[in-house]
Amino acid sequence: MLSPSAHEDSFSREILPPVDTWPDLLLDGFDYPDRLNVAVALTDAMVAKGFGDRTALIGARRRRTYKELADGTNRLAIVLVDDLGVRPGNRAPIRSANNPAMVACWLAATKAVAVVVNTMPMLRAGELTNHDNKAEISHALCDIRLMDELQ
């Protein structure tokens, strides 16, 4: 039922529940390719379509255009892959409040083909440890103000 994965790290696929327990996936009429990086579709593709100067995000008292968002998330994705060694399929939690920086981190990690999981800022060290151990986390993106509990 599933097409071959682009993930080198197959953990997420290996722990899926049995197919007979899945809900009905009603995808008729949706013509998505076998492989689609949604972060690229939401940023780079929007720039390519001529929307680069349009507003993509509003927050923290400023607007970010699609071009700014694409450029920034591409730079961060390169750091994640080239400098930090994130491989396709690695789990990468993001510990942050809901803000434009969190959105940019999610997009960048998704561009790096990581499996992104947002964590709530209210989680404490014990809860994060259980979460990270169960998901076999190797990398995380964290707002500096929330770093104490993650460390």
C-alpha atoms as a PDB file:
ATOM      1  CA  MET A   1       0.000   0.000   0.000  1.00  0.00           C
ATOM      2  CA  LEU A   2       2.856   2.393   0.741  1.00  0.00           C
ATOM      3  CA  SER A   3       5.293   3.458  -1.935  1.00  0.00           C
ATOM      4  CA  PRO A   4       9.013   3.189  -1.219  1.00  0.00           C
ATOM      5  CA  SER A   5      10.198   5.768   1.290  1.00  0.00           C
ATOM      6  CA  ALA A   6      12.889   8.399   0.731  1.00  0.00           C
ATOM      7  CA  HIS A   7      13.851   8.075   4.394  1.00  0.00           C
ATOM      8  CA  GLU A   8      17.213   6.538   5.227  1.00  0.00           C
ATOM      9  CA  ASP A   9      16.077   6.230   8.841  1.00  0.00           C
ATOM     10  CA  SER A  10      13.027   3.946   8.629  1.00  0.00           C
ATOM     11  CA  PHE A  11      11.996   4.112  12.315  1.00  0.00           C
ATOM     12  CA  SER A  12       8.790   6.092  11.670  1.00  0.00           C
ATOM     13  CA  ARG A  13       7.554   3.675   9.030  1.00  0.00           C
ATOM     14  CA  GLU A  14       8.482   0.617  11.107  1.00  0.00           C
ATOM     15  CA  ILE A  15       6.292   1.704  14.030  1.00  0.00           C
ATOM     16  CA  LEU A  16       3.152   2.444  11.983  1.00  0.00           C
ATOM     17  CA  PRO A  17       0.090   0.556  13.184  1.00  0.00           C
ATOM     18  CA  PRO A  18      -1.181  -2.343  11.071  1.00  0.00           C
ATOM     19  CA  VAL A  19      -2.717  -1.174   7.785  1.00  0.00           C
ATOM     20  CA  ASP A  20      -6.093  -2.738   8.645  1.00  0.00           C
ATOM     21  CA  THR A  21      -6.393  -0.291  11.570  1.00  0.00           C
ATOM     22  CA  TRP A  22      -5.867   2.812   9.431  1.00  0.00           C
ATOM     23  CA  PRO A  23      -8.776   5.109   8.589  1.00  0.00           C
ATOM     24  CA  ASP A  24     -10.005   5.227   5.009  1.00  0.00           C
ATOM     25  CA  LEU A  25      -7.676   7.496   3.037  1.00  0.00           C
ATOM     26  CA  LEU A  26      -9.958   9.258   0.556  1.00  0.00           C
ATOM     27  CA  LEU A  27      -7.464  10.621  -1.933  1.00  0.00           C
ATOM     28  CA  ASP A  28      -9.462  10.384  -5.153  1.00  0.00           C
ATOM     29  CA  GLY A  29      -9.155  13.649  -7.048  1.00  0.00           C
ATOM     30  CA  PHE A  30      -5.880  14.626  -5.403  1.00  0.00           C
ATOM     31  CA  ASP A  31      -3.056  14.350  -7.879  1.00  0.00           C
ATOM     32  CA  TYR A  32      -0.044  14.536  -5.612  1.00  0.00           C
ATOM     33  CA  PRO A  33       3.236  13.048  -6.832  1.00  0.00           C
ATOM     34  CA  ASP A  34       4.610   9.971  -5.068  1.00  0.00           C
ATOM     35  CA  ARG A  35       7.111  12.221  -3.322  1.00  0.00           C
ATOM     36  CA  LEU A  36       6.263  15.738  -2.184  1.00  0.00           C
ATOM     37  CA  ASN A  37       8.166  17.935   0.244  1.00  0.00           C
ATOM     38  CA  VAL A  38       5.405  20.117   1.629  1.00  0.00           C
ATOM     39  CA  ALA A  39       7.877  22.724   2.934  1.00  0.00           C
ATOM     40  CA  VAL A  40       9.250  23.245  -0.567  1.00  0.00           C
ATOM     41  CA  ALA A  41       5.688  23.480  -1.907  1.00  0.00           C
ATOM     42  CA  LEU A  42       4.820  26.106   0.729  1.00  0.00           C
ATOM     43  CA  THR A  43       7.902  28.298   0.205  1.00  0.00           C
ATOM     44  CA  ASP A  44      10.189  27.752  -2.798  1.00  0.00           C
ATOM     45  CA  ALA A  45       7.308  26.853  -5.120  1.00  0.00           C
ATOM     46  CA  MET A  46       5.445  30.002  -4.087  1.00  0.00           C
ATOM     47  CA  VAL A  47       8.517  32.092  -4.983  1.00  0.00           C
ATOM     48  CA  ALA A  48       8.814  30.253  -8.309  1.00  0.00           C
ATOM     49  CA  LYS A  49       5.152  31.068  -9.039  1.00  0.00           C
ATOM     50  CA  GLY A  50       5.885  34.793  -8.611  1.00  0.00           C
ATOM     51  CA  PHE A  51       4.598  35.280  -5.047  1.00  0.00           C
ATOM     52  CA  GLY A  52       8.030  35.971  -3.508  1.00  0.00           C
ATOM     53  CA  ASP A  53       7.191  39.542  -2.445  1.00  0.00           C
ATOM     54  CA  ARG A  54       3.838  38.595  -0.908  1.00  0.00           C
ATOM     55  CA  THR A  55       3.384  38.147   2.816  1.00  0.00           C
ATOM     56  CA  ALA A  56       3.815  34.569   4.031  1.00  0.00           C
ATOM     57  CA  LEU A  57       3.916  35.102   7.814  1.00  0.00           C
ATOM     58  CA  ILE A  58       2.927  37.868  10.182  1.00  0.00           C
ATOM     59  CA  GLY A  59       4.220  37.863  13.735  1.00  0.00           C
ATOM     60  CA  ALA A  60       6.678  39.339  16.201  1.00  0.00           C
ATOM     61  CA  ARG A  61       5.744  42.794  14.897  1.00  0.00           C
ATOM     62  CA  ARG A  62       6.858  42.138  11.319  1.00  0.00           C
ATOM     63  CA  ARG A  63       5.853  40.514   8.060  1.00  0.00           C
ATOM     64  CA  ARG A  64       7.922  37.895   6.271  1.00  0.00           C
ATOM     65  CA  THR A  65       7.644  37.411   2.534  1.00  0.00           C
ATOM     66  CA  TYR A  66       7.687  34.042   0.809  1.00  0.00           C
ATOM     67  CA  LYS A  67      11.176  34.886  -0.489  1.00  0.00           C
ATOM     68  CA  GLU A  68      12.476  35.669   2.999  1.00  0.00           C
ATOM     69  CA  LEU A  69      10.887  32.509   4.353  1.00  0.00           C
ATOM     70  CA  ALA A  70      12.243  30.352   1.522  1.00  0.00           C
ATOM     71  CA  ASP A  71      15.757  31.788   1.818  1.00  0.00           C
ATOM     72  CA  GLY A  72      15.872  31.491   5.610  1.00  0.00           C
ATOM     73  CA  THR A  73      14.475  27.981   5.741  1.00  0.00           C
ATOM     74  CA  ASN A  74      16.814  26.826   2.976  1.00  0.00           C
ATOM     75  CA  ARG A  75      19.816  28.145   4.951  1.00  0.00           C
ATOM     76  CA  LEU A  76      18.652  26.401   8.120  1.00  0.00           C
ATOM     77  CA  ALA A  77      17.934  23.149   6.252  1.00  0.00           C
ATOM     78  CA  ILE A  78      21.509  23.199   4.901  1.00  0.00           C
ATOM     79  CA  VAL A  79      22.873  23.641   8.434  1.00  0.00           C
ATOM     80  CA  LEU A  80      20.694  20.777   9.694  1.00  0.00           C
ATOM     81  CA  VAL A  81      21.952  18.423   6.985  1.00  0.00           C
ATOM     82  CA  ASP A  82      25.538  19.528   6.333  1.00  0.00           C
ATOM     83  CA  ASP A  83      26.630  20.694   9.790  1.00  0.00           C
ATOM     84  CA  LEU A  84      24.427  18.689  12.167  1.00  0.00           C
ATOM     85  CA  GLY A  85      24.062  15.483  10.165  1.00  0.00           C
ATOM     86  CA  VAL A  86      20.273  15.251  10.007  1.00  0.00           C
ATOM     87  CA  ARG A  87      19.369  12.364   7.680  1.00  0.00           C
ATOM     88  CA  PRO A  88      16.039  11.761   5.930  1.00  0.00           C
ATOM     89  CA  GLY A  89      13.666  10.181   8.432  1.00  0.00           C
ATOM     90  CA  ASN A  90      15.443  11.365  11.609  1.00  0.00           C
ATOM     91  CA  ARG A  91      12.973  12.627  14.188  1.00  0.00           C
ATOM     92  CA  ALA A  92      13.448  16.328  14.994  1.00  0.00           C
ATOM     93  CA  PRO A  93      11.265  17.791  17.734  1.00  0.00           C
ATOM     94  CA  ILE A  94      10.749  21.520  17.835  1.00  0.00           C
ATOM     95  CA  ARG A  95      10.376  23.041  21.280  1.00  0.00           C
ATOM     96  CA  SER A  96       8.941  26.516  20.922  1.00  0.00           C
ATOM     97  CA  ALA A  97       5.915  28.693  21.369  1.00  0.00           C
ATOM     98  CA  ASN A  98       3.687  29.135  18.326  1.00  0.00           C
ATOM     99  CA  ASN A  99       5.460  31.925  16.489  1.00  0.00           C
ATOM    100  CA  PRO A 100       7.068  32.638  13.097  1.00  0.00           C
ATOM    101  CA  ALA A 101      10.417  31.209  14.245  1.00  0.00           C
ATOM    102  CA  MET A 102       8.725  27.891  15.075  1.00  0.00           C
ATOM    103  CA  VAL A 103       7.089  27.856  11.638  1.00  0.00           C
ATOM    104  CA  ALA A 104      10.453  28.552   9.993  1.00  0.00           C
ATOM    105  CA  CYS A 105      12.097  25.745  12.002  1.00  0.00           C
ATOM    106  CA  TRP A 106       9.310  23.333  11.031  1.00  0.00           C
ATOM    107  CA  LEU A 107       9.681  24.240   7.364  1.00  0.00           C
ATOM    108  CA  ALA A 108      13.490  23.932   7.489  1.00  0.00           C
ATOM    109  CA  ALA A 109      13.450  20.544   9.230  1.00  0.00           C
ATOM    110  CA  THR A 110      10.812  19.337   6.771  1.00  0.00           C
ATOM    111  CA  LYS A 111      13.000  20.509   3.883  1.00  0.00           C
ATOM    112  CA  ALA A 112      15.791  18.435   5.456  1.00  0.00           C
ATOM    113  CA  VAL A 113      13.341  15.483   5.201  1.00  0.00           C
ATOM    114  CA  ALA A 114      13.225  15.050   8.962  1.00  0.00           C
ATOM    115  CA  VAL A 115      10.084  13.808  10.708  1.00  0.00           C
ATOM    116  CA  VAL A 116       9.098  16.892  12.674  1.00  0.00           C
ATOM    117  CA  VAL A 117       7.246  16.709  15.980  1.00  0.00           C
ATOM    118  CA  ASN A 118       6.296  19.900  17.795  1.00  0.00           C
ATOM    119  CA  THR A 119       6.444  19.705  21.581  1.00  0.00           C
ATOM    120  CA  MET A 120       4.475  21.875  23.967  1.00  0.00           C
ATOM    121  CA  PRO A 121       6.494  24.457  25.926  1.00  0.00           C
ATOM    122  CA  MET A 122       4.821  23.253  29.140  1.00  0.00           C
ATOM    123  CA  LEU A 123       6.478  19.793  28.951  1.00  0.00           C
ATOM    124  CA  ARG A 124       9.123  19.252  31.617  1.00  0.00           C
ATOM    125  CA  ALA A 125      12.382  17.314  31.558  1.00  0.00           C
ATOM    126  CA  GLY A 126      10.894  13.937  32.550  1.00  0.00           C
ATOM    127  CA  GLU A 127       8.144  14.153  29.950  1.00  0.00           C
ATOM    128  CA  LEU A 128      10.599  15.254  27.264  1.00  0.00           C
ATOM    129  CA  THR A 129      12.985  12.426  28.166  1.00  0.00           C
ATOM    130  CA  ASN A 130      10.206   9.835  27.803  1.00  0.00           C
ATOM    131  CA  HIS A 131       9.132  11.395  24.519  1.00  0.00           C
ATOM    132  CA  ASP A 132      12.674  11.598  23.130  1.00  0.00           C
ATOM    133  CA  ASN A 133      13.621   8.078  24.207  1.00  0.00           C
ATOM    134  CA  LYS A 134      10.484   6.541  22.709  1.00  0.00           C
ATOM    135  CA  ALA A 135      10.959   8.385  19.404  1.00  0.00           C
ATOM    136  CA  GLU A 136      14.732   7.773  19.327  1.00  0.00           C
ATOM    137  CA  ILE A 137      15.489  11.467  18.934  1.00  0.00           C
ATOM    138  CA  SER A 138      18.921  12.491  17.716  1.00  0.00           C
ATOM    139  CA  HIS A 139      18.353  16.194  16.951  1.00  0.00           C
ATOM    140  CA  ALA A 140      16.093  18.916  18.336  1.00  0.00           C
ATOM    141  CA  LEU A 141      15.390  22.564  17.611  1.00  0.00           C
ATOM    142  CA  CYS A 142      14.648  24.580  20.726  1.00  0.00           C
ATOM    143  CA  ASP A 143      13.831  28.153  21.641  1.00  0.00           C
ATOM    144  CA  ILE A 144      16.655  29.289  23.939  1.00  0.00           C
ATOM    145  CA  ARG A 145      14.080  30.325  26.571  1.00  0.00           C
ATOM    146  CA  LEU A 146      12.928  26.677  26.822  1.00  0.00           C
ATOM    147  CA  MET A 147      16.346  25.037  26.754  1.00  0.00           C
ATOM    148  CA  ASP A 148      16.692  24.187  30.486  1.00  0.00           C
ATOM    149  CA  GLU A 149      14.049  21.450  30.447  1.00  0.00           C
ATOM    150  CA  LEU A 150      15.335  19.989  27.188  1.00  0.00           C
ATOM    151  CA  GLN A 151      18.930  19.732  28.439  1.00  0.00           C
END
